[in-house]
Amino acid sequence: MSLKKTEPPPRQQERAELILQVAAEQLLRWGYKKVTINDIAQQAGIGIGTIYLHWKTKEALFQTVMLREIVAVWDEMLQRMRRDYREFYPHRMMRSILLIAMQRPLARAIFIGDGELLGKLVQNQQALQNPMIHTTDQFFVFLRDQGLMNTDMSVHLQQYAFSAAVTGFCLVDPLIAEEDRVSLEERVDALAHVIRQSFEPSELVADDVMREVVAPRMLTFFEQMITGLSQQVQKTLAL
């Protein structure tokens, strides 16, 4: 009796990664509404059924595409944090995240909630944006405990105001005249200034404390966060 051969896991993951890459390219080229699973299968050189082995719906596939992009943004941000502990200051952190995301077409679409490109995926933006724009009260408690955020308002109100400020910088361009818009560098510098003046203590954490105590804690937090997001993506790659 012959045993049924199964495809090795590395091959399965390689195939799934190809699907995600092609899906991302098709999304950027045509937009969510126009892209079909058949289009992706043809471009990837695989059968439609193969895609459905990993994702049951088109929406599920593109949610993974978007989550994968978020992980890529945070991976790049993590490298910056490892090189320079000052990137853990909220004003530096959000400046860098916005700078990274706005130079990646898909990440930019996620940040600004581009309905023309993302279609009904925008309805699920809140869950996808949380790791990049919005933050939880618990995270603000953590930042306050490290001396990185002011304590002059309630944690929840601070979280709300911070998220509103960052979101505003992401969404404001279509609402103002073209001649009033500024360059990306000017925009991220302005955002950093607002965060520094509005949300952080007037005196920065001492360099030795920041380097030896705060930075390792922050690094651990973000490494765990990125690992969790990556695991969500990996679950869809294996059969």
Protein backbone atom coordinates (compact mmCIF):
# COMPACT_ATOMS: atom_id res chain seq x y z
CA MET A 1 0.00 0.00 0.00
CA SER A 2 1.45 3.36 -1.00
CA LEU A 3 1.37 6.23 1.43
CA LYS A 4 -0.16 9.52 0.32
CA LYS A 5 2.54 12.13 -0.02
CA THR A 6 2.02 15.47 1.66
CA GLU A 7 3.58 18.73 0.61
CA PRO A 8 6.46 19.74 2.90
CA PRO A 9 5.62 22.66 5.22
CA PRO A 10 8.38 24.89 3.76
CA ARG A 11 6.78 24.52 0.34
CA GLN A 12 3.36 25.35 1.75
CA GLN A 13 4.68 28.51 3.37
CA GLU A 14 6.56 29.54 0.25
CA ARG A 15 3.38 29.13 -1.78
CA ALA A 16 1.31 31.12 0.73
CA GLU A 17 3.89 33.91 0.79
CA LEU A 18 3.69 34.07 -3.01
CA ILE A 19 -0.09 34.38 -2.82
CA LEU A 20 0.18 37.24 -0.34
CA GLN A 21 2.77 39.03 -2.45
CA VAL A 22 0.70 38.74 -5.62
CA ALA A 23 -2.47 39.75 -3.76
CA ALA A 24 -0.74 42.88 -2.45
CA GLU A 25 0.46 43.80 -5.94
CA GLN A 26 -3.00 43.29 -7.43
CA LEU A 27 -4.60 45.30 -4.64
CA LEU A 28 -2.33 48.26 -5.26
CA ARG A 29 -2.86 48.03 -9.01
CA TRP A 30 -6.62 47.52 -9.21
CA GLY A 31 -8.13 48.10 -5.78
CA TYR A 32 -10.05 45.64 -3.63
CA LYS A 33 -13.35 45.80 -5.52
CA LYS A 34 -11.84 44.84 -8.87
CA VAL A 35 -9.40 42.14 -7.79
CA THR A 36 -10.69 38.56 -7.86
CA ILE A 37 -9.30 35.36 -6.45
CA ASN A 38 -9.03 34.14 -10.04
CA ASP A 39 -6.82 37.14 -10.90
CA ILE A 40 -4.49 36.31 -8.03
CA ALA A 41 -4.38 32.61 -8.90
CA GLN A 42 -3.51 33.36 -12.53
CA GLN A 43 -0.78 35.84 -11.61
CA ALA A 44 0.67 33.41 -9.05
CA GLY A 45 0.47 30.47 -11.44
CA ILE A 46 -1.60 28.31 -9.10
CA GLY A 47 -5.15 27.01 -8.90
CA ILE A 48 -7.98 28.91 -7.21
CA GLY A 49 -8.54 26.00 -4.86
CA THR A 50 -5.01 26.36 -3.56
CA ILE A 51 -5.76 29.88 -2.34
CA TYR A 52 -8.91 28.69 -0.61
CA LEU A 53 -6.87 26.08 1.25
CA HIS A 54 -5.31 28.98 3.17
CA TRP A 55 -8.08 31.59 3.16
CA LYS A 56 -11.78 30.82 3.04
CA THR A 57 -12.76 34.21 1.61
CA LYS A 58 -11.30 37.02 -0.42
CA GLU A 59 -11.73 39.34 2.54
CA ALA A 60 -9.81 36.99 4.84
CA LEU A 61 -6.95 36.88 2.33
CA PHE A 62 -6.68 40.65 2.10
CA GLN A 63 -6.93 41.09 5.84
CA THR A 64 -3.82 38.93 6.06
CA VAL A 65 -2.19 41.03 3.33
CA MET A 66 -2.83 44.15 5.39
CA LEU A 67 -1.70 42.60 8.65
CA ARG A 68 1.48 41.41 6.94
CA GLU A 69 2.13 45.00 5.84
CA ILE A 70 1.66 46.24 9.40
CA VAL A 71 4.21 43.69 10.59
CA ALA A 72 6.65 44.92 7.93
CA VAL A 73 6.27 48.51 9.17
CA TRP A 74 6.87 47.48 12.77
CA ASP A 75 9.83 45.28 11.79
CA GLU A 76 11.49 48.31 10.22
CA MET A 77 10.60 50.40 13.26
CA LEU A 78 12.08 47.76 15.55
CA GLN A 79 15.39 47.97 13.71
CA ARG A 80 15.45 51.71 14.31
CA MET A 81 14.72 51.18 18.00
CA ARG A 82 17.57 48.70 18.32
CA ARG A 83 19.98 51.16 16.70
CA ASP A 84 18.89 54.19 18.74
CA TYR A 85 17.16 53.95 22.12
CA ARG A 86 15.83 57.51 21.67
CA GLU A 87 13.34 56.10 19.18
CA PHE A 88 11.37 54.88 22.20
CA TYR A 89 10.32 58.43 23.04
CA PRO A 90 6.70 58.73 21.81
CA HIS A 91 7.44 61.79 19.64
CA ARG A 92 10.36 60.04 17.94
CA MET A 93 8.46 56.77 17.67
CA MET A 94 5.41 58.23 15.93
CA ARG A 95 7.57 60.38 13.67
CA SER A 96 9.44 57.31 12.47
CA ILE A 97 6.35 55.13 12.11
CA LEU A 98 4.57 57.75 10.03
CA LEU A 99 7.68 58.31 7.92
CA ILE A 100 8.04 54.57 7.27
CA ALA A 101 4.36 53.98 6.55
CA MET A 102 3.81 56.95 4.25
CA GLN A 103 6.62 55.74 1.99
CA ARG A 104 5.01 52.31 1.59
CA PRO A 105 1.92 52.49 -0.68
CA LEU A 106 -0.06 49.78 1.10
CA ALA A 107 0.82 50.96 4.60
CA ARG A 108 -0.11 54.49 3.57
CA ALA A 109 -3.51 53.27 2.36
CA ILE A 110 -4.07 51.56 5.72
CA PHE A 111 -3.03 54.68 7.64
CA ILE A 112 -5.33 57.06 5.76
CA GLY A 113 -8.21 54.61 5.35
CA ASP A 114 -8.14 54.76 1.55
CA GLY A 115 -11.64 53.52 0.70
CA GLU A 116 -11.05 53.68 -3.05
CA LEU A 117 -8.15 51.25 -2.79
CA LEU A 118 -9.23 49.12 0.17
CA GLY A 119 -12.99 48.97 -0.46
CA LYS A 120 -14.96 47.32 2.33
CA LEU A 121 -11.71 46.41 4.07
CA VAL A 122 -11.89 49.95 5.48
CA GLN A 123 -14.79 48.72 7.62
CA ASN A 124 -12.27 46.57 9.47
CA GLN A 125 -9.70 49.35 9.75
CA GLN A 126 -9.98 49.76 13.50
CA ALA A 127 -8.59 46.31 14.27
CA LEU A 128 -5.84 46.70 11.69
CA GLN A 129 -4.88 50.26 12.60
CA ASN A 130 -4.63 49.66 16.33
CA PRO A 131 -1.00 48.49 16.25
CA MET A 132 0.07 51.49 14.15
CA ILE A 133 -2.07 54.48 15.10
CA HIS A 134 -4.27 53.75 18.07
CA THR A 135 -3.07 52.54 21.42
CA THR A 136 -4.65 51.04 24.49
CA ASP A 137 -5.03 52.59 27.92
CA GLN A 138 -2.76 49.84 29.28
CA PHE A 139 0.03 50.90 26.95
CA PHE A 140 -0.28 54.49 28.14
CA VAL A 141 -0.04 53.31 31.73
CA PHE A 142 3.17 51.53 30.72
CA LEU A 143 4.55 54.68 29.05
CA ARG A 144 3.64 56.82 32.07
CA ASP A 145 5.35 54.34 34.40
CA GLN A 146 8.54 54.74 32.35
CA GLY A 147 8.38 58.53 32.63
CA LEU A 148 7.71 58.93 28.89
CA MET A 149 4.23 60.50 29.11
CA ASN A 150 2.65 63.22 31.21
CA THR A 151 0.32 62.32 34.05
CA ASP A 152 -1.69 65.57 34.02
CA MET A 153 -4.86 63.97 32.61
CA SER A 154 -6.63 60.65 32.87
CA VAL A 155 -5.05 57.77 31.00
CA HIS A 156 -8.13 57.26 28.83
CA LEU A 157 -8.40 60.93 27.88
CA GLN A 158 -4.70 61.03 27.10
CA GLN A 159 -5.02 57.96 24.90
CA TYR A 160 -7.97 59.52 23.09
CA ALA A 161 -6.21 62.84 22.51
CA PHE A 162 -3.00 61.17 21.35
CA SER A 163 -4.82 58.91 18.87
CA ALA A 164 -6.86 61.85 17.58
CA ALA A 165 -3.73 63.92 17.01
CA VAL A 166 -1.91 61.16 15.09
CA THR A 167 -5.00 60.29 13.06
CA GLY A 168 -5.46 63.96 12.16
CA PHE A 169 -1.96 64.17 10.73
CA CYS A 170 -2.70 61.09 8.63
CA LEU A 171 -6.04 62.28 7.27
CA VAL A 172 -5.78 66.06 6.98
CA ASP A 173 -4.35 66.43 3.44
CA PRO A 174 -7.57 65.80 1.46
CA LEU A 175 -9.34 68.36 3.65
CA ILE A 176 -7.05 71.32 2.94
CA ALA A 177 -6.08 73.24 -0.19
CA GLU A 178 -3.17 71.79 -2.12
CA GLU A 179 -1.10 74.95 -1.67
CA ASP A 180 -1.42 74.61 2.10
CA ARG A 181 -0.02 71.07 2.22
CA VAL A 182 3.50 70.40 3.41
CA SER A 183 6.13 67.80 2.60
CA LEU A 184 6.22 64.45 4.37
CA GLU A 185 9.33 65.47 6.31
CA GLU A 186 7.65 68.67 7.47
CA ARG A 187 4.52 66.76 8.41
CA VAL A 188 6.32 64.18 10.57
CA ASP A 189 8.42 66.89 12.18
CA ALA A 190 5.25 68.82 13.05
CA LEU A 191 3.65 65.69 14.49
CA ALA A 192 6.74 65.00 16.60
CA HIS A 193 6.65 68.58 17.91
CA VAL A 194 2.98 68.35 18.86
CA ILE A 195 3.48 65.05 20.69
CA ARG A 196 6.61 66.30 22.47
CA GLN A 197 4.93 69.51 23.66
CA SER A 198 1.50 68.09 24.43
CA PHE A 199 2.03 64.64 25.84
CA GLU A 200 5.56 64.25 27.20
CA PRO A 201 7.22 65.62 30.37
CA SER A 202 9.22 68.82 29.88
CA GLU A 203 12.38 67.03 30.98
CA LEU A 204 13.40 63.89 29.14
CA VAL A 205 14.41 60.76 30.99
CA ALA A 206 18.09 60.80 31.94
CA ASP A 207 20.20 59.17 29.23
CA ASP A 208 21.63 56.44 31.46
CA VAL A 209 18.18 55.52 32.80
CA MET A 210 16.70 55.57 29.31
CA ARG A 211 19.48 53.43 27.88
CA GLU A 212 19.86 50.91 30.70
CA VAL A 213 16.37 50.63 32.18
CA VAL A 214 13.60 52.04 29.99
CA ALA A 215 14.88 50.99 26.55
CA PRO A 216 15.22 47.26 27.42
CA ARG A 217 11.67 47.23 28.79
CA MET A 218 10.32 48.99 25.72
CA LEU A 219 12.25 46.69 23.41
CA THR A 220 10.78 43.64 25.09
CA PHE A 221 7.28 45.07 24.77
CA PHE A 222 7.57 45.75 21.04
CA GLU A 223 9.31 42.47 20.30
CA GLN A 224 6.43 40.62 21.96
CA MET A 225 3.86 42.72 20.11
CA ILE A 226 5.48 42.08 16.73
CA THR A 227 5.83 38.38 17.50
CA GLY A 228 2.10 38.23 18.26
CA LEU A 229 1.19 39.95 15.01
CA SER A 230 3.57 37.71 13.04
CA GLN A 231 2.00 34.63 14.58
CA GLN A 232 -1.41 35.79 13.38
CA VAL A 233 -0.03 35.93 9.84
CA GLN A 234 1.74 32.57 10.17
CA LYS A 235 -1.47 30.82 11.18
CA THR A 236 -2.85 31.49 7.71
CA LEU A 237 0.23 30.20 5.92
CA ALA A 238 0.19 26.65 7.27
CA LEU A 239 -2.46 24.12 6.33
